[in-house]
Amino acid sequence: MKSTGLVYEMRRYTGKATPPLTVLEDASIYGSDGDFKSSGHPAWVKNAAGIWELGFDSAAIDYVEITCPQCNFTFEDFSIIVRFTEGTLDVIDVLFIRGISGSDGYSFHLAENGEARFQTFQVAVSQLTSTAAGAIVNGGIYTLGLSRSGEDVFIYRNGIDITSVSGTHINPLTCARTAKIGVWDTKNQYGFDGKMSYMGVWGYALSAEAHAAKHQELSRWG
């Protein structure tokens, strides 16, 4: 599905009242609200800046599932930005996925060695763009983003391009699954561990300057 502009944005919550316990509201014009795994899972935690963050427990495999048809990117350029505190890195920590390895779609995730990775998937093959090992460490607070422009993908940490391995990305033939935040498509493995205060998806490739500006904005949230 061809989409332009901001196509998904995790709503920002402030104030004393705990945000909804079963639904993650989409602040974009599309209103693609996501469903929690179960009530209170993931759990809301308020940070020092007064922003409510989603706390994901990888042992419990917390996640949010979103229909998000406007995130059905195959040939289109697009971008993702996440603001999070890493808990404990595991074999794979999924940030945002719409697809599954060996089949279709794409994934933005972390590896146990601290690499940030983006993959596109087709039947029996995939393409990978990643940072160097150690880009993400346990306990670190990050604004992590990517921009896909044609065959190329760039990964940004705190507004700076830190792409180390550049894949030549082939378009997925389809990308019709639901999107997941914090878990693999199967919903039973590769859970994210940590806290997340922001997730945004754009239907075009953000510039390096836009990534830097968004980091400056998000870093004020703690």
N, C-alpha and C. Protein backbone atom coordinates (compact mmCIF):
# COMPACT_ATOMS: atom_id res chain seq x y z
N MET A 1 0.85 -1.18 0.00
CA MET A 1 0.00 0.00 0.00
C MET A 1 0.88 1.23 0.00
N LYS A 2 0.68 2.13 -0.95
CA LYS A 2 1.48 3.34 -1.03
C LYS A 2 0.93 4.37 -0.05
N SER A 3 1.75 4.80 0.90
CA SER A 3 1.36 5.77 1.89
C SER A 3 2.43 6.84 1.96
N THR A 4 2.05 8.06 2.27
CA THR A 4 3.02 9.14 2.43
C THR A 4 2.77 9.83 3.76
N GLY A 5 3.79 10.53 4.25
CA GLY A 5 3.67 11.21 5.52
C GLY A 5 3.81 10.25 6.69
N LEU A 6 3.39 10.71 7.85
CA LEU A 6 3.45 9.91 9.07
C LEU A 6 2.28 8.92 9.05
N VAL A 7 2.57 7.63 8.99
CA VAL A 7 1.51 6.63 8.83
C VAL A 7 1.20 5.87 10.11
N TYR A 8 2.09 5.95 11.09
CA TYR A 8 1.80 5.37 12.41
C TYR A 8 2.61 6.13 13.44
N GLU A 9 1.98 6.44 14.58
CA GLU A 9 2.71 7.11 15.67
C GLU A 9 2.11 6.71 17.01
N MET A 10 2.93 6.11 17.82
CA MET A 10 2.54 5.77 19.19
C MET A 10 2.16 7.04 19.95
N ARG A 11 0.96 7.06 20.50
CA ARG A 11 0.49 8.25 21.21
C ARG A 11 1.34 8.51 22.46
N ARG A 12 1.63 9.79 22.68
CA ARG A 12 2.39 10.18 23.87
C ARG A 12 1.42 10.45 25.03
N TYR A 13 1.69 9.86 26.17
CA TYR A 13 0.83 10.03 27.33
C TYR A 13 1.60 10.73 28.45
N THR A 14 0.94 11.72 29.07
CA THR A 14 1.48 12.40 30.24
C THR A 14 0.37 12.43 31.30
N GLY A 15 0.67 13.04 32.44
CA GLY A 15 -0.36 13.20 33.47
C GLY A 15 -0.38 12.05 34.46
N LYS A 16 -1.29 12.17 35.44
CA LYS A 16 -1.34 11.21 36.54
C LYS A 16 -2.03 9.90 36.16
N ALA A 17 -3.03 9.99 35.29
CA ALA A 17 -3.82 8.80 34.98
C ALA A 17 -3.02 7.81 34.14
N THR A 18 -3.10 6.54 34.52
CA THR A 18 -2.44 5.50 33.74
C THR A 18 -3.11 5.38 32.38
N PRO A 19 -2.33 5.29 31.28
CA PRO A 19 -2.91 5.14 29.94
C PRO A 19 -3.69 3.83 29.81
N PRO A 20 -4.39 3.65 28.68
CA PRO A 20 -5.17 2.42 28.48
C PRO A 20 -4.33 1.16 28.67
N LEU A 21 -4.93 0.14 29.27
CA LEU A 21 -4.21 -1.08 29.63
C LEU A 21 -4.30 -2.18 28.58
N THR A 22 -5.13 -1.96 27.56
CA THR A 22 -5.30 -3.01 26.55
C THR A 22 -5.07 -2.53 25.13
N VAL A 23 -4.99 -1.20 24.93
CA VAL A 23 -4.89 -0.64 23.59
C VAL A 23 -3.79 0.41 23.55
N LEU A 24 -2.95 0.36 22.51
CA LEU A 24 -1.96 1.40 22.25
C LEU A 24 -2.51 2.27 21.13
N GLU A 25 -2.85 3.51 21.47
CA GLU A 25 -3.50 4.39 20.50
C GLU A 25 -2.50 4.91 19.46
N ASP A 26 -2.97 4.97 18.22
CA ASP A 26 -2.21 5.52 17.10
C ASP A 26 -2.59 6.98 16.94
N ALA A 27 -1.61 7.88 17.07
CA ALA A 27 -1.86 9.32 16.98
C ALA A 27 -1.87 9.83 15.55
N SER A 28 -1.56 8.98 14.56
CA SER A 28 -1.58 9.41 13.16
C SER A 28 -3.03 9.51 12.68
N ILE A 29 -3.20 10.03 11.47
CA ILE A 29 -4.54 10.19 10.90
C ILE A 29 -5.20 8.85 10.62
N TYR A 30 -4.42 7.76 10.61
CA TYR A 30 -4.97 6.45 10.26
C TYR A 30 -5.66 5.77 11.44
N GLY A 31 -5.29 6.13 12.65
CA GLY A 31 -5.96 5.56 13.82
C GLY A 31 -5.86 4.06 13.95
N SER A 32 -4.69 3.51 13.60
CA SER A 32 -4.49 2.05 13.69
C SER A 32 -4.06 1.66 15.10
N ASP A 33 -5.01 1.67 16.03
CA ASP A 33 -4.69 1.34 17.41
C ASP A 33 -4.23 -0.11 17.51
N GLY A 34 -3.28 -0.36 18.41
CA GLY A 34 -2.74 -1.70 18.59
C GLY A 34 -3.30 -2.38 19.83
N ASP A 35 -3.36 -3.70 19.80
CA ASP A 35 -3.85 -4.48 20.93
C ASP A 35 -2.69 -5.04 21.75
N PHE A 36 -2.77 -4.86 23.08
CA PHE A 36 -1.79 -5.46 23.97
C PHE A 36 -1.94 -6.98 23.96
N LYS A 37 -0.84 -7.66 24.32
CA LYS A 37 -0.91 -9.11 24.48
C LYS A 37 -2.02 -9.48 25.45
N SER A 38 -2.10 -8.77 26.56
CA SER A 38 -3.18 -8.93 27.54
C SER A 38 -3.22 -7.67 28.39
N SER A 39 -4.23 -7.52 29.21
CA SER A 39 -4.37 -6.31 30.00
C SER A 39 -3.14 -6.07 30.88
N GLY A 40 -2.52 -4.91 30.68
CA GLY A 40 -1.34 -4.55 31.46
C GLY A 40 -0.05 -5.17 30.99
N HIS A 41 -0.07 -5.86 29.87
CA HIS A 41 1.13 -6.49 29.30
C HIS A 41 1.26 -6.15 27.82
N PRO A 42 2.20 -5.27 27.47
CA PRO A 42 3.21 -4.62 28.31
C PRO A 42 2.61 -3.62 29.30
N ALA A 43 3.44 -3.22 30.28
CA ALA A 43 2.97 -2.39 31.38
C ALA A 43 3.47 -0.95 31.23
N TRP A 44 2.63 0.01 31.62
CA TRP A 44 3.03 1.41 31.56
C TRP A 44 3.89 1.79 32.77
N VAL A 45 4.96 2.55 32.51
CA VAL A 45 5.86 3.04 33.55
C VAL A 45 6.17 4.50 33.23
N LYS A 46 6.04 5.39 34.21
CA LYS A 46 6.31 6.81 33.97
C LYS A 46 7.78 7.10 34.21
N ASN A 47 8.42 7.82 33.26
CA ASN A 47 9.84 8.15 33.40
C ASN A 47 10.02 9.48 34.13
N ALA A 48 11.26 9.88 34.33
CA ALA A 48 11.57 11.09 35.11
C ALA A 48 11.08 12.36 34.44
N ALA A 49 10.87 12.32 33.12
CA ALA A 49 10.38 13.49 32.39
C ALA A 49 8.85 13.57 32.41
N GLY A 50 8.20 12.62 33.06
CA GLY A 50 6.75 12.63 33.14
C GLY A 50 6.05 11.98 31.96
N ILE A 51 6.79 11.24 31.14
CA ILE A 51 6.24 10.54 29.99
C ILE A 51 6.00 9.08 30.35
N TRP A 52 4.83 8.58 29.99
CA TRP A 52 4.54 7.17 30.18
C TRP A 52 5.22 6.34 29.11
N GLU A 53 5.97 5.32 29.53
CA GLU A 53 6.66 4.43 28.61
C GLU A 53 6.06 3.03 28.74
N LEU A 54 6.13 2.27 27.64
CA LEU A 54 5.70 0.88 27.68
C LEU A 54 6.86 0.00 28.12
N GLY A 55 6.66 -0.76 29.18
CA GLY A 55 7.68 -1.66 29.68
C GLY A 55 7.45 -3.08 29.17
N PHE A 56 8.41 -3.59 28.40
CA PHE A 56 8.32 -4.92 27.80
C PHE A 56 9.19 -5.90 28.58
N ASP A 57 8.62 -7.04 28.94
CA ASP A 57 9.33 -8.10 29.65
C ASP A 57 9.54 -9.25 28.66
N SER A 58 10.80 -9.49 28.28
CA SER A 58 11.06 -10.53 27.28
C SER A 58 10.73 -11.92 27.80
N ALA A 59 10.85 -12.13 29.12
CA ALA A 59 10.51 -13.44 29.68
C ALA A 59 9.03 -13.74 29.52
N ALA A 60 8.20 -12.70 29.64
CA ALA A 60 6.75 -12.87 29.47
C ALA A 60 6.33 -12.74 28.00
N ILE A 61 7.27 -12.30 27.15
CA ILE A 61 7.01 -12.03 25.73
C ILE A 61 5.83 -11.08 25.58
N ASP A 62 5.98 -9.88 26.15
CA ASP A 62 4.99 -8.82 25.97
C ASP A 62 5.06 -8.30 24.54
N TYR A 63 3.92 -7.83 24.02
CA TYR A 63 3.93 -7.26 22.67
C TYR A 63 2.67 -6.46 22.42
N VAL A 64 2.70 -5.70 21.32
CA VAL A 64 1.53 -5.01 20.79
C VAL A 64 1.35 -5.44 19.34
N GLU A 65 0.12 -5.77 18.95
CA GLU A 65 -0.18 -6.18 17.58
C GLU A 65 -1.07 -5.12 16.93
N ILE A 66 -0.69 -4.72 15.71
CA ILE A 66 -1.38 -3.62 15.02
C ILE A 66 -1.75 -4.07 13.62
N THR A 67 -2.98 -3.81 13.19
CA THR A 67 -3.38 -4.15 11.82
C THR A 67 -2.56 -3.34 10.82
N CYS A 68 -2.57 -2.03 10.94
CA CYS A 68 -1.68 -1.10 10.21
C CYS A 68 -1.51 -1.43 8.72
N PRO A 69 -2.58 -1.47 7.92
CA PRO A 69 -2.42 -1.75 6.50
C PRO A 69 -1.55 -0.72 5.78
N GLN A 70 -1.49 0.49 6.32
CA GLN A 70 -0.66 1.53 5.69
C GLN A 70 0.83 1.28 5.90
N CYS A 71 1.18 0.28 6.71
CA CYS A 71 2.58 -0.13 6.90
C CYS A 71 2.96 -1.27 5.96
N ASN A 72 2.10 -1.57 5.00
CA ASN A 72 2.33 -2.66 4.05
C ASN A 72 3.28 -2.19 2.95
N PHE A 73 4.54 -2.04 3.30
CA PHE A 73 5.54 -1.54 2.36
C PHE A 73 6.18 -2.71 1.61
N THR A 74 6.17 -2.64 0.30
CA THR A 74 6.89 -3.62 -0.52
C THR A 74 7.96 -2.88 -1.31
N PHE A 75 7.57 -2.12 -2.33
CA PHE A 75 8.54 -1.36 -3.13
C PHE A 75 8.75 0.05 -2.61
N GLU A 76 7.90 0.52 -1.69
CA GLU A 76 7.93 1.92 -1.28
C GLU A 76 9.11 2.25 -0.36
N ASP A 77 9.54 3.50 -0.40
CA ASP A 77 10.47 4.02 0.60
C ASP A 77 9.70 4.19 1.92
N PHE A 78 10.41 4.04 3.04
CA PHE A 78 9.76 4.28 4.32
C PHE A 78 10.82 4.47 5.40
N SER A 79 10.36 4.88 6.58
CA SER A 79 11.26 5.13 7.72
C SER A 79 10.59 4.69 9.01
N ILE A 80 11.42 4.33 9.98
CA ILE A 80 10.95 3.98 11.33
C ILE A 80 11.87 4.65 12.34
N ILE A 81 11.30 5.21 13.40
CA ILE A 81 12.09 5.75 14.51
C ILE A 81 11.50 5.23 15.82
N VAL A 82 12.38 4.75 16.70
CA VAL A 82 11.98 4.22 18.00
C VAL A 82 12.82 4.89 19.08
N ARG A 83 12.19 5.28 20.18
CA ARG A 83 12.90 5.78 21.35
C ARG A 83 12.72 4.75 22.46
N PHE A 84 13.82 4.22 23.00
CA PHE A 84 13.71 3.13 23.96
C PHE A 84 14.89 3.08 24.91
N THR A 85 14.68 2.40 26.02
CA THR A 85 15.75 2.01 26.94
C THR A 85 15.91 0.51 26.83
N GLU A 86 17.11 0.06 26.49
CA GLU A 86 17.34 -1.38 26.35
C GLU A 86 17.47 -2.03 27.72
N GLY A 87 16.78 -3.15 27.90
CA GLY A 87 16.92 -3.92 29.13
C GLY A 87 18.07 -4.90 29.01
N THR A 88 17.77 -6.10 28.54
CA THR A 88 18.78 -7.13 28.35
C THR A 88 18.71 -7.65 26.92
N LEU A 89 19.80 -7.52 26.18
CA LEU A 89 19.84 -8.02 24.81
C LEU A 89 19.75 -9.54 24.80
N ASP A 90 19.02 -10.07 23.82
CA ASP A 90 18.90 -11.51 23.65
C ASP A 90 19.28 -11.85 22.22
N VAL A 91 19.04 -13.08 21.80
CA VAL A 91 19.41 -13.50 20.44
C VAL A 91 18.84 -12.53 19.42
N ILE A 92 17.56 -12.22 19.53
CA ILE A 92 16.91 -11.19 18.73
C ILE A 92 15.95 -10.44 19.63
N ASP A 93 15.99 -9.12 19.60
CA ASP A 93 15.01 -8.26 20.27
C ASP A 93 14.26 -7.50 19.19
N VAL A 94 13.02 -7.85 18.96
CA VAL A 94 12.25 -7.20 17.89
C VAL A 94 11.73 -5.84 18.36
N LEU A 95 11.99 -4.82 17.55
CA LEU A 95 11.40 -3.51 17.79
C LEU A 95 10.10 -3.39 17.01
N PHE A 96 10.17 -3.60 15.68
CA PHE A 96 8.98 -3.49 14.82
C PHE A 96 9.13 -4.48 13.67
N ILE A 97 8.10 -5.28 13.44
CA ILE A 97 8.15 -6.26 12.37
C ILE A 97 6.80 -6.32 11.67
N ARG A 98 6.87 -6.48 10.36
CA ARG A 98 5.67 -6.78 9.57
C ARG A 98 6.10 -7.78 8.50
N GLY A 99 6.15 -9.05 8.88
CA GLY A 99 6.64 -10.10 7.99
C GLY A 99 7.28 -11.20 8.80
N ILE A 100 7.95 -12.12 8.10
CA ILE A 100 8.64 -13.22 8.79
C ILE A 100 9.74 -13.76 7.90
N SER A 101 10.85 -14.13 8.53
CA SER A 101 12.01 -14.64 7.80
C SER A 101 11.63 -15.83 6.93
N GLY A 102 12.17 -15.85 5.70
CA GLY A 102 11.92 -16.94 4.77
C GLY A 102 10.61 -16.84 4.03
N SER A 103 9.93 -15.69 4.19
CA SER A 103 8.62 -15.57 3.55
C SER A 103 8.38 -14.19 2.96
N ASP A 104 8.15 -13.20 3.82
CA ASP A 104 7.71 -11.90 3.30
C ASP A 104 7.93 -10.79 4.32
N GLY A 105 7.84 -9.55 3.86
CA GLY A 105 7.85 -8.40 4.74
C GLY A 105 9.23 -7.93 5.17
N TYR A 106 9.29 -7.32 6.36
CA TYR A 106 10.52 -6.70 6.85
C TYR A 106 10.55 -6.72 8.37
N SER A 107 11.75 -6.51 8.93
CA SER A 107 11.92 -6.50 10.38
C SER A 107 13.00 -5.51 10.78
N PHE A 108 12.76 -4.79 11.88
CA PHE A 108 13.73 -3.89 12.51
C PHE A 108 13.95 -4.44 13.91
N HIS A 109 15.18 -4.91 14.19
CA HIS A 109 15.42 -5.60 15.45
C HIS A 109 16.86 -5.45 15.91
N LEU A 110 17.13 -5.92 17.12
CA LEU A 110 18.46 -5.89 17.72
C LEU A 110 18.98 -7.31 17.83
N ALA A 111 20.31 -7.45 17.78
CA ALA A 111 20.94 -8.76 17.97
C ALA A 111 21.65 -8.80 19.32
N GLU A 112 21.98 -10.00 19.76
CA GLU A 112 22.59 -10.19 21.08
C GLU A 112 23.93 -9.49 21.20
N ASN A 113 24.64 -9.32 20.08
CA ASN A 113 25.95 -8.65 20.11
C ASN A 113 25.83 -7.13 20.04
N GLY A 114 24.61 -6.61 20.11
CA GLY A 114 24.41 -5.16 20.11
C GLY A 114 24.28 -4.53 18.74
N GLU A 115 24.19 -5.34 17.70
CA GLU A 115 23.91 -4.79 16.37
C GLU A 115 22.44 -4.37 16.28
N ALA A 116 22.18 -3.27 15.58
CA ALA A 116 20.83 -2.94 15.14
C ALA A 116 20.71 -3.39 13.70
N ARG A 117 19.63 -4.10 13.38
CA ARG A 117 19.50 -4.74 12.07
C ARG A 117 18.16 -4.43 11.41
N PHE A 118 18.20 -4.28 10.09
CA PHE A 118 16.98 -4.21 9.29
C PHE A 118 17.07 -5.28 8.21
N GLN A 119 16.00 -6.05 8.05
CA GLN A 119 15.97 -7.09 7.03
C GLN A 119 14.70 -7.02 6.20
N THR A 120 14.84 -7.29 4.91
CA THR A 120 13.70 -7.55 4.04
C THR A 120 13.71 -9.04 3.72
N PHE A 121 12.49 -9.61 3.60
CA PHE A 121 12.35 -11.06 3.45
C PHE A 121 11.61 -11.43 2.17
N GLN A 122 12.08 -12.49 1.53
CA GLN A 122 11.36 -13.16 0.46
C GLN A 122 11.46 -14.67 0.73
N VAL A 123 10.80 -15.47 -0.09
CA VAL A 123 10.84 -16.92 0.11
C VAL A 123 12.28 -17.41 0.06
N ALA A 124 12.76 -17.98 1.16
CA ALA A 124 14.07 -18.63 1.27
C ALA A 124 15.26 -17.67 1.26
N VAL A 125 15.05 -16.37 1.11
CA VAL A 125 16.17 -15.43 1.09
C VAL A 125 15.82 -14.19 1.89
N SER A 126 16.85 -13.41 2.23
CA SER A 126 16.65 -12.13 2.90
C SER A 126 17.84 -11.24 2.64
N GLN A 127 17.67 -9.94 2.92
CA GLN A 127 18.76 -8.98 2.79
C GLN A 127 18.90 -8.24 4.11
N LEU A 128 20.14 -7.92 4.46
CA LEU A 128 20.44 -7.36 5.78
C LEU A 128 21.25 -6.09 5.67
N THR A 129 20.83 -5.07 6.41
CA THR A 129 21.65 -3.89 6.68
C THR A 129 21.78 -3.80 8.20
N SER A 130 22.99 -3.51 8.69
CA SER A 130 23.19 -3.51 10.14
C SER A 130 24.23 -2.48 10.55
N THR A 131 24.26 -2.23 11.85
CA THR A 131 25.33 -1.44 12.46
C THR A 131 26.45 -2.40 12.86
N ALA A 132 27.52 -1.85 13.38
CA ALA A 132 28.57 -2.68 13.98
C ALA A 132 28.07 -3.25 15.30
N ALA A 133 28.71 -4.31 15.76
CA ALA A 133 28.42 -4.87 17.08
C ALA A 133 28.68 -3.82 18.16
N GLY A 134 27.91 -3.87 19.23
CA GLY A 134 28.11 -2.94 20.34
C GLY A 134 27.43 -1.60 20.17
N ALA A 135 26.66 -1.42 19.10
CA ALA A 135 25.96 -0.15 18.89
C ALA A 135 24.89 0.08 19.95
N ILE A 136 24.32 -1.01 20.45
CA ILE A 136 23.31 -0.97 21.51
C ILE A 136 23.82 -1.79 22.69
N VAL A 137 23.73 -1.23 23.90
CA VAL A 137 24.19 -1.95 25.09
C VAL A 137 23.07 -1.98 26.13
N ASN A 138 23.13 -2.95 27.02
CA ASN A 138 22.14 -3.06 28.08
C ASN A 138 22.11 -1.79 28.92
N GLY A 139 20.91 -1.27 29.17
CA GLY A 139 20.75 -0.08 29.98
C GLY A 139 20.84 1.22 29.21
N GLY A 140 21.22 1.19 27.95
CA GLY A 140 21.35 2.40 27.16
C GLY A 140 20.00 2.96 26.73
N ILE A 141 19.94 4.29 26.58
CA ILE A 141 18.74 4.98 26.10
C ILE A 141 19.05 5.49 24.70
N TYR A 142 18.18 5.18 23.74
CA TYR A 142 18.49 5.45 22.33
C TYR A 142 17.28 5.97 21.56
N THR A 143 17.60 6.80 20.58
CA THR A 143 16.69 7.06 19.47
C THR A 143 17.28 6.30 18.29
N LEU A 144 16.60 5.25 17.85
CA LEU A 144 17.11 4.40 16.78
C LEU A 144 16.17 4.50 15.59
N GLY A 145 16.73 4.79 14.43
CA GLY A 145 15.89 4.96 13.26
C GLY A 145 16.49 4.33 12.02
N LEU A 146 15.64 4.17 11.01
CA LEU A 146 16.10 3.70 9.71
C LEU A 146 15.34 4.44 8.62
N SER A 147 15.98 4.54 7.48
CA SER A 147 15.34 5.03 6.26
C SER A 147 15.65 4.08 5.14
N ARG A 148 14.61 3.62 4.45
CA ARG A 148 14.81 2.82 3.24
C ARG A 148 14.53 3.71 2.04
N SER A 149 15.48 3.74 1.10
CA SER A 149 15.35 4.49 -0.15
C SER A 149 15.76 3.56 -1.28
N GLY A 150 14.78 2.99 -1.97
CA GLY A 150 15.09 2.02 -3.02
C GLY A 150 15.77 0.80 -2.44
N GLU A 151 16.93 0.45 -2.98
CA GLU A 151 17.67 -0.73 -2.51
C GLU A 151 18.48 -0.46 -1.25
N ASP A 152 18.58 0.80 -0.86
CA ASP A 152 19.48 1.20 0.23
C ASP A 152 18.73 1.45 1.53
N VAL A 153 19.38 1.10 2.64
CA VAL A 153 18.85 1.37 3.98
C VAL A 153 19.95 1.99 4.82
N PHE A 154 19.60 2.99 5.60
CA PHE A 154 20.53 3.66 6.51
C PHE A 154 19.96 3.59 7.92
N ILE A 155 20.82 3.27 8.88
CA ILE A 155 20.41 3.15 10.28
C ILE A 155 21.05 4.27 11.09
N TYR A 156 20.23 4.94 11.90
CA TYR A 156 20.68 6.10 12.67
C TYR A 156 20.51 5.83 14.16
N ARG A 157 21.55 6.14 14.93
CA ARG A 157 21.48 6.10 16.39
C ARG A 157 21.65 7.50 16.92
N ASN A 158 20.68 7.97 17.67
CA ASN A 158 20.72 9.33 18.24
C ASN A 158 21.01 10.37 17.17
N GLY A 159 20.38 10.17 16.00
CA GLY A 159 20.46 11.13 14.92
C GLY A 159 21.67 11.03 14.03
N ILE A 160 22.54 10.05 14.26
CA ILE A 160 23.79 9.92 13.48
C ILE A 160 23.77 8.60 12.72
N ASP A 161 24.13 8.64 11.45
CA ASP A 161 24.20 7.43 10.62
C ASP A 161 25.33 6.54 11.12
N ILE A 162 24.97 5.32 11.56
CA ILE A 162 25.99 4.37 12.03
C ILE A 162 25.91 3.06 11.24
N THR A 163 25.42 3.14 10.02
CA THR A 163 25.34 1.95 9.17
C THR A 163 26.73 1.38 8.95
N SER A 164 26.88 0.08 9.15
CA SER A 164 28.17 -0.59 8.97
C SER A 164 28.14 -1.57 7.81
N VAL A 165 27.11 -2.40 7.75
CA VAL A 165 26.94 -3.37 6.66
C VAL A 165 25.72 -2.96 5.86
N SER A 166 25.91 -2.71 4.57
CA SER A 166 24.82 -2.23 3.71
C SER A 166 24.38 -3.33 2.76
N GLY A 167 23.15 -3.78 2.90
CA GLY A 167 22.60 -4.76 1.99
C GLY A 167 21.97 -4.10 0.78
N THR A 168 21.78 -4.87 -0.28
CA THR A 168 21.03 -4.43 -1.45
C THR A 168 19.65 -5.05 -1.33
N HIS A 169 18.68 -4.24 -0.93
CA HIS A 169 17.39 -4.77 -0.52
C HIS A 169 16.45 -4.99 -1.70
N ILE A 170 15.94 -6.21 -1.77
CA ILE A 170 14.96 -6.61 -2.77
C ILE A 170 13.57 -6.38 -2.18
N ASN A 171 12.63 -5.98 -3.02
CA ASN A 171 11.28 -5.73 -2.54
C ASN A 171 10.60 -7.03 -2.11
N PRO A 172 10.02 -7.07 -0.91
CA PRO A 172 9.18 -8.23 -0.57
C PRO A 172 8.03 -8.34 -1.56
N LEU A 173 7.66 -9.56 -1.93
CA LEU A 173 6.54 -9.74 -2.86
C LEU A 173 5.23 -9.36 -2.20
N THR A 174 5.16 -9.52 -0.89
CA THR A 174 3.97 -9.14 -0.14
C THR A 174 4.40 -8.72 1.25
N CYS A 175 3.50 -8.03 1.94
CA CYS A 175 3.77 -7.59 3.31
C CYS A 175 2.43 -7.43 4.01
N ALA A 176 1.62 -8.48 3.96
CA ALA A 176 0.22 -8.39 4.35
C ALA A 176 -0.07 -8.86 5.77
N ARG A 177 0.95 -9.21 6.54
CA ARG A 177 0.71 -9.64 7.92
C ARG A 177 0.41 -8.43 8.81
N THR A 178 -0.04 -8.68 10.02
CA THR A 178 -0.16 -7.58 10.97
C THR A 178 1.24 -7.15 11.42
N ALA A 179 1.33 -5.91 11.87
CA ALA A 179 2.59 -5.42 12.44
C ALA A 179 2.64 -5.78 13.92
N LYS A 180 3.84 -6.03 14.41
CA LYS A 180 4.04 -6.32 15.83
C LYS A 180 5.14 -5.42 16.40
N ILE A 181 4.91 -4.93 17.59
CA ILE A 181 5.92 -4.20 18.34
C ILE A 181 6.36 -5.10 19.49
N GLY A 182 7.66 -5.42 19.52
CA GLY A 182 8.20 -6.15 20.66
C GLY A 182 8.19 -7.65 20.58
N VAL A 183 7.85 -8.22 19.41
CA VAL A 183 7.81 -9.68 19.31
C VAL A 183 7.92 -10.10 17.85
N TRP A 184 8.39 -11.33 17.61
CA TRP A 184 8.45 -11.92 16.27
C TRP A 184 7.03 -12.17 15.76
N ASP A 185 6.89 -12.41 14.47
CA ASP A 185 5.56 -12.57 13.89
C ASP A 185 4.77 -13.71 14.53
N THR A 186 5.46 -14.74 14.99
CA THR A 186 4.79 -15.89 15.61
C THR A 186 4.20 -15.59 16.98
N LYS A 187 4.60 -14.47 17.57
CA LYS A 187 4.11 -13.99 18.87
C LYS A 187 4.51 -14.89 20.04
N ASN A 188 5.57 -15.68 19.86
CA ASN A 188 6.01 -16.54 20.95
C ASN A 188 7.53 -16.58 21.10
N GLN A 189 8.25 -15.65 20.46
CA GLN A 189 9.71 -15.65 20.57
C GLN A 189 10.27 -14.27 20.21
N TYR A 190 11.55 -14.08 20.58
CA TYR A 190 12.31 -12.88 20.24
C TYR A 190 11.67 -11.61 20.80
N GLY A 191 11.24 -11.68 22.07
CA GLY A 191 10.61 -10.53 22.70
C GLY A 191 11.61 -9.43 23.02
N PHE A 192 11.17 -8.19 22.86
CA PHE A 192 11.96 -7.03 23.26
C PHE A 192 11.97 -6.93 24.78
N ASP A 193 13.10 -6.52 25.35
CA ASP A 193 13.23 -6.35 26.78
C ASP A 193 13.66 -4.91 27.05
N GLY A 194 12.80 -4.13 27.68
CA GLY A 194 13.14 -2.74 27.96
C GLY A 194 11.89 -1.87 27.96
N LYS A 195 12.11 -0.56 27.85
CA LYS A 195 11.01 0.41 27.87
C LYS A 195 11.02 1.21 26.57
N MET A 196 9.84 1.51 26.08
CA MET A 196 9.69 2.22 24.81
C MET A 196 8.77 3.42 25.01
N SER A 197 9.26 4.61 24.63
CA SER A 197 8.45 5.82 24.78
C SER A 197 7.95 6.36 23.45
N TYR A 198 8.49 5.86 22.33
CA TYR A 198 8.04 6.38 21.03
C TYR A 198 8.27 5.36 19.93
N MET A 199 7.31 5.32 19.01
CA MET A 199 7.44 4.55 17.77
C MET A 199 6.73 5.34 16.68
N GLY A 200 7.44 5.63 15.61
CA GLY A 200 6.85 6.34 14.48
C GLY A 200 7.25 5.68 13.17
N VAL A 201 6.31 5.66 12.21
CA VAL A 201 6.56 5.09 10.89
C VAL A 201 6.11 6.10 9.85
N TRP A 202 6.98 6.34 8.87
CA TRP A 202 6.71 7.29 7.79
C TRP A 202 6.69 6.57 6.45
N GLY A 203 5.87 7.04 5.53
CA GLY A 203 5.78 6.44 4.21
C GLY A 203 6.73 7.04 3.21
N TYR A 204 7.89 7.48 3.67
CA TYR A 204 8.95 7.98 2.80
C TYR A 204 10.27 7.90 3.55
N ALA A 205 11.36 8.12 2.85
CA ALA A 205 12.69 8.04 3.47
C ALA A 205 13.03 9.38 4.13
N LEU A 206 13.10 9.39 5.45
CA LEU A 206 13.52 10.59 6.16
C LEU A 206 14.98 10.89 5.88
N SER A 207 15.32 12.16 5.81
CA SER A 207 16.70 12.57 5.60
C SER A 207 17.51 12.43 6.88
N ALA A 208 18.82 12.51 6.75
CA ALA A 208 19.69 12.49 7.93
C ALA A 208 19.35 13.64 8.87
N GLU A 209 19.04 14.79 8.29
CA GLU A 209 18.69 15.97 9.09
C GLU A 209 17.39 15.73 9.87
N ALA A 210 16.44 15.03 9.25
CA ALA A 210 15.18 14.75 9.93
C ALA A 210 15.38 13.78 11.09
N HIS A 211 16.26 12.79 10.90
CA HIS A 211 16.57 11.87 12.00
C HIS A 211 17.21 12.62 13.17
N ALA A 212 18.13 13.53 12.86
CA ALA A 212 18.80 14.30 13.91
C ALA A 212 17.80 15.18 14.65
N ALA A 213 16.89 15.81 13.91
CA ALA A 213 15.90 16.69 14.53
C ALA A 213 14.94 15.90 15.42
N LYS A 214 14.55 14.72 14.96
CA LYS A 214 13.63 13.90 15.77
C LYS A 214 14.32 13.43 17.04
N HIS A 215 15.60 13.10 16.95
CA HIS A 215 16.33 12.71 18.16
C HIS A 215 16.37 13.85 19.16
N GLN A 216 16.62 15.06 18.69
CA GLN A 216 16.66 16.21 19.60
C GLN A 216 15.32 16.39 20.29
N GLU A 217 14.24 16.19 19.55
CA GLU A 217 12.90 16.29 20.15
C GLU A 217 12.68 15.19 21.19
N LEU A 218 12.96 13.95 20.81
CA LEU A 218 12.66 12.82 21.69
C LEU A 218 13.55 12.76 22.92
N SER A 219 14.78 13.26 22.81
CA SER A 219 15.71 13.20 23.94
C SER A 219 15.24 14.07 25.10
N ARG A 220 14.34 15.00 24.84
CA ARG A 220 13.79 15.82 25.92
C ARG A 220 12.75 15.05 26.73
N TRP A 221 12.35 13.89 26.24
CA TRP A 221 11.35 13.08 26.94
C TRP A 221 11.98 12.13 27.94
N GLY A 222 13.30 12.14 28.03
CA GLY A 222 13.97 11.21 28.92
C GLY A 222 14.41 9.96 28.20
